[in-house]
C-alpha atoms as a PDB file:
ATOM      1  CA  MET A   1      33.123 152.680 -39.179  1.00  0.00           C
ATOM      2  CA  GLN A   2      36.025 150.602 -38.792  1.00  0.00           C
ATOM      3  CA  VAL A   3      37.248 147.695 -40.667  1.00  0.00           C
ATOM      4  CA  GLU A   4      38.726 145.019 -38.740  1.00  0.00           C
ATOM      5  CA  THR A   5      40.970 142.060 -39.620  1.00  0.00           C
ATOM      6  CA  ILE A   6      40.308 138.506 -38.581  1.00  0.00           C
ATOM      7  CA  SER A   7      42.843 136.001 -37.952  1.00  0.00           C
ATOM      8  CA  THR A   8      42.856 132.682 -36.493  1.00  0.00           C
ATOM      9  CA  ALA A   9      45.722 129.498 -36.109  1.00  0.00           C
ATOM     10  CA  ASP A  10      43.099 126.913 -37.338  1.00  0.00           C
ATOM     11  CA  ALA A  11      43.407 128.231 -41.217  1.00  0.00           C
ATOM     12  CA  PRO A  12      46.107 129.116 -43.500  1.00  0.00           C
ATOM     13  CA  GLN A  13      48.127 132.284 -42.938  1.00  0.00           C
ATOM     14  CA  PRO A  14      47.746 134.619 -45.966  1.00  0.00           C
ATOM     15  CA  ALA A  15      50.341 133.942 -48.407  1.00  0.00           C
ATOM     16  CA  GLY A  16      50.279 137.668 -50.062  1.00  0.00           C
ATOM     17  CA  HIS A  17      48.926 140.860 -48.912  1.00  0.00           C
ATOM     18  CA  TYR A  18      45.672 140.278 -47.654  1.00  0.00           C
ATOM     19  CA  ALA A  19      43.693 139.141 -44.489  1.00  0.00           C
ATOM     20  CA  GLN A  20      42.060 135.576 -43.877  1.00  0.00           C
ATOM     21  CA  ALA A  21      38.982 138.014 -43.683  1.00  0.00           C
ATOM     22  CA  THR A  22      37.986 141.390 -42.348  1.00  0.00           C
ATOM     23  CA  ARG A  23      34.776 142.380 -40.301  1.00  0.00           C
ATOM     24  CA  ALA A  24      33.115 145.874 -41.223  1.00  0.00           C
ATOM     25  CA  ASN A  25      29.542 147.407 -41.533  1.00  0.00           C
ATOM     26  CA  GLY A  26      27.791 144.324 -39.935  1.00  0.00           C
ATOM     27  CA  PHE A  27      29.766 141.988 -42.174  1.00  0.00           C
ATOM     28  CA  VAL A  28      32.495 139.257 -42.314  1.00  0.00           C
ATOM     29  CA  PHE A  29      34.336 139.175 -45.611  1.00  0.00           C
ATOM     30  CA  ILE A  30      36.341 136.129 -46.347  1.00  0.00           C
ATOM     31  CA  SER A  31      39.146 135.600 -48.571  1.00  0.00           C
ATOM     32  CA  GLY A  32      39.535 132.629 -51.231  1.00  0.00           C
ATOM     33  CA  GLN A  33      40.319 129.942 -49.337  1.00  0.00           C
ATOM     34  CA  LEU A  34      42.286 127.053 -51.069  1.00  0.00           C
ATOM     35  CA  PRO A  35      42.900 123.653 -49.946  1.00  0.00           C
ATOM     36  CA  VAL A  36      45.569 124.252 -47.776  1.00  0.00           C
ATOM     37  CA  ASP A  37      46.220 122.270 -44.142  1.00  0.00           C
ATOM     38  CA  PRO A  38      47.687 124.908 -41.442  1.00  0.00           C
ATOM     39  CA  ALA A  39      49.979 122.105 -40.406  1.00  0.00           C
ATOM     40  CA  VAL A  40      50.998 120.618 -43.716  1.00  0.00           C
ATOM     41  CA  GLY A  41      50.807 123.472 -46.437  1.00  0.00           C
ATOM     42  CA  ILE A  42      48.845 123.298 -49.739  1.00  0.00           C
ATOM     43  CA  ARG A  43      47.241 119.912 -50.394  1.00  0.00           C
ATOM     44  CA  ALA A  44      46.771 120.353 -54.404  1.00  0.00           C
ATOM     45  CA  ASP A  45      47.752 116.201 -54.522  1.00  0.00           C
ATOM     46  CA  LEU A  46      44.165 115.199 -52.925  1.00  0.00           C
ATOM     47  CA  SER A  47      41.013 114.044 -54.688  1.00  0.00           C
ATOM     48  CA  PHE A  48      38.838 116.965 -55.674  1.00  0.00           C
ATOM     49  CA  ASP A  49      36.479 115.964 -52.923  1.00  0.00           C
ATOM     50  CA  ASP A  50      39.128 116.162 -50.250  1.00  0.00           C
ATOM     51  CA  GLN A  51      40.268 119.578 -51.738  1.00  0.00           C
ATOM     52  CA  ALA A  52      36.637 120.812 -51.344  1.00  0.00           C
ATOM     53  CA  ARG A  53      36.304 119.456 -47.879  1.00  0.00           C
ATOM     54  CA  LEU A  54      39.529 121.353 -46.696  1.00  0.00           C
ATOM     55  CA  ALA A  55      39.090 124.569 -48.761  1.00  0.00           C
ATOM     56  CA  ILE A  56      35.170 124.786 -47.259  1.00  0.00           C
ATOM     57  CA  GLY A  57      36.800 123.899 -43.681  1.00  0.00           C
ATOM     58  CA  ASN A  58      39.516 126.872 -44.067  1.00  0.00           C
ATOM     59  CA  MET A  59      36.516 129.167 -44.805  1.00  0.00           C
ATOM     60  CA  LEU A  60      34.150 127.644 -41.691  1.00  0.00           C
ATOM     61  CA  ALA A  61      37.171 128.026 -39.173  1.00  0.00           C
ATOM     62  CA  ILE A  62      37.566 131.565 -40.511  1.00  0.00           C
ATOM     63  CA  LEU A  63      34.124 132.222 -39.645  1.00  0.00           C
ATOM     64  CA  SER A  64      33.941 131.096 -36.389  1.00  0.00           C
ATOM     65  CA  ALA A  65      37.168 132.933 -35.570  1.00  0.00           C
ATOM     66  CA  ALA A  66      35.320 135.943 -36.936  1.00  0.00           C
ATOM     67  CA  GLY A  67      32.418 135.097 -34.199  1.00  0.00           C
ATOM     68  CA  SER A  68      30.007 134.043 -36.647  1.00  0.00           C
ATOM     69  CA  ASP A  69      28.629 130.725 -37.893  1.00  0.00           C
ATOM     70  CA  PRO A  70      27.325 128.769 -41.506  1.00  0.00           C
ATOM     71  CA  GLY A  71      23.630 130.055 -40.616  1.00  0.00           C
ATOM     72  CA  GLN A  72      25.080 133.902 -41.009  1.00  0.00           C
ATOM     73  CA  LEU A  73      26.282 133.140 -44.481  1.00  0.00           C
ATOM     74  CA  ALA A  74      24.820 135.637 -46.948  1.00  0.00           C
ATOM     75  CA  ARG A  75      27.075 134.531 -50.117  1.00  0.00           C
ATOM     76  CA  VAL A  76      29.506 131.784 -51.262  1.00  0.00           C
ATOM     77  CA  THR A  77      31.357 131.956 -54.358  1.00  0.00           C
ATOM     78  CA  ALA A  78      33.594 128.713 -55.460  1.00  0.00           C
ATOM     79  CA  TYR A  79      35.522 128.676 -58.360  1.00  0.00           C
ATOM     80  CA  ILE A  80      36.171 124.736 -59.681  1.00  0.00           C
ATOM     81  CA  VAL A  81      38.438 123.319 -61.852  1.00  0.00           C
ATOM     82  CA  GLY A  82      36.444 121.719 -64.573  1.00  0.00           C
ATOM     83  CA  VAL A  83      32.674 121.903 -64.605  1.00  0.00           C
ATOM     84  CA  GLU A  84      32.456 118.074 -64.427  1.00  0.00           C
ATOM     85  CA  ASN A  85      33.487 118.461 -60.771  1.00  0.00           C
ATOM     86  CA  TRP A  86      30.144 120.641 -60.133  1.00  0.00           C
ATOM     87  CA  PRO A  87      28.420 117.346 -58.808  1.00  0.00           C
ATOM     88  CA  ALA A  88      31.042 116.474 -56.596  1.00  0.00           C
ATOM     89  CA  PHE A  89      31.589 120.012 -55.121  1.00  0.00           C
ATOM     90  CA  ASN A  90      27.448 120.326 -54.554  1.00  0.00           C
ATOM     91  CA  ALA A  91      27.587 117.116 -52.567  1.00  0.00           C
ATOM     92  CA  VAL A  92      30.554 117.963 -50.167  1.00  0.00           C
ATOM     93  CA  TYR A  93      29.095 121.753 -49.740  1.00  0.00           C
ATOM     94  CA  ALA A  94      25.789 119.900 -49.005  1.00  0.00           C
ATOM     95  CA  ALA A  95      27.393 117.757 -46.444  1.00  0.00           C
ATOM     96  CA  MET A  96      29.359 120.178 -44.652  1.00  0.00           C
ATOM     97  CA  LEU A  97      26.462 123.429 -44.996  1.00  0.00           C
ATOM     98  CA  PRO A  98      23.469 121.138 -44.545  1.00  0.00           C
ATOM     99  CA  ASP A  99      21.276 123.635 -43.111  1.00  0.00           C
ATOM    100  CA  ALA A 100      22.865 127.030 -44.564  1.00  0.00           C
ATOM    101  CA  ARG A 101      21.774 128.172 -47.973  1.00  0.00           C
ATOM    102  CA  PRO A 102      23.417 131.354 -48.741  1.00  0.00           C
ATOM    103  CA  ALA A 103      23.477 133.007 -52.107  1.00  0.00           C
ATOM    104  CA  ARG A 104      25.934 131.040 -54.211  1.00  0.00           C
ATOM    105  CA  THR A 105      27.944 130.749 -57.412  1.00  0.00           C
ATOM    106  CA  VAL A 106      29.983 128.089 -58.737  1.00  0.00           C
ATOM    107  CA  VAL A 107      32.595 129.685 -61.514  1.00  0.00           C
ATOM    108  CA  PRO A 108      34.028 126.895 -63.447  1.00  0.00           C
ATOM    109  CA  VAL A 109      37.646 127.825 -64.125  1.00  0.00           C
ATOM    110  CA  ALA A 110      40.780 126.276 -66.228  1.00  0.00           C
ATOM    111  CA  GLU A 111      43.097 126.740 -63.283  1.00  0.00           C
ATOM    112  CA  LEU A 112      43.665 127.770 -59.844  1.00  0.00           C
ATOM    113  CA  HIS A 113      46.764 128.964 -57.978  1.00  0.00           C
ATOM    114  CA  HIS A 114      49.385 125.874 -56.858  1.00  0.00           C
ATOM    115  CA  GLY A 115      47.435 123.451 -59.030  1.00  0.00           C
ATOM    116  CA  CYS A 116      44.682 123.402 -56.529  1.00  0.00           C
ATOM    117  CA  LEU A 117      41.145 122.588 -58.147  1.00  0.00           C
ATOM    118  CA  VAL A 118      38.955 124.961 -56.128  1.00  0.00           C
ATOM    119  CA  GLU A 119      38.798 127.910 -54.176  1.00  0.00           C
ATOM    120  CA  ILE A 120      36.126 129.416 -51.910  1.00  0.00           C
ATOM    121  CA  ASP A 121      35.231 132.476 -50.604  1.00  0.00           C
ATOM    122  CA  ALA A 122      32.389 134.211 -48.513  1.00  0.00           C
ATOM    123  CA  ILE A 123      30.266 137.059 -47.339  1.00  0.00           C
ATOM    124  CA  ALA A 124      28.334 136.802 -43.910  1.00  0.00           C
ATOM    125  CA  LEU A 125      26.635 138.463 -41.292  1.00  0.00           C
ATOM    126  CA  ALA A 126      28.830 139.206 -38.060  1.00  0.00           C
ATOM    127  CA  SER A 127      27.404 137.381 -35.236  1.00  0.00           C
ATOM    128  CA  GLY A 128      24.678 139.411 -33.448  1.00  0.00           C
ATOM    129  CA  ASP A 129      24.226 141.870 -36.474  1.00  0.00           C
END
């Protein structure tokens, strides 16, 4: 078994010692995605809804680069600042992933890096597996 690194210019490049995603043993493992616009940078200035859209969009761009799709998502974990943002997260998530219903955990946290309000990671089946 070999671990393959996944990378795309359609999502933020890693700011540390990690990959956007890896593919191994029939799975795609997507690193935590903050609301970072690849062309502009960190967007902690946006509303919670817009930050959630951007973070989920980054996750989906990486998923696509790995040759997979939302229907192959097996598990998603979202970290949100403030439990009061849970309904807003649910609404954005459902709108962006209307047909995907992977196992999911939403974890309210006190704060995230760079003052962002949401971070999301995922595990998916590699396409064709």
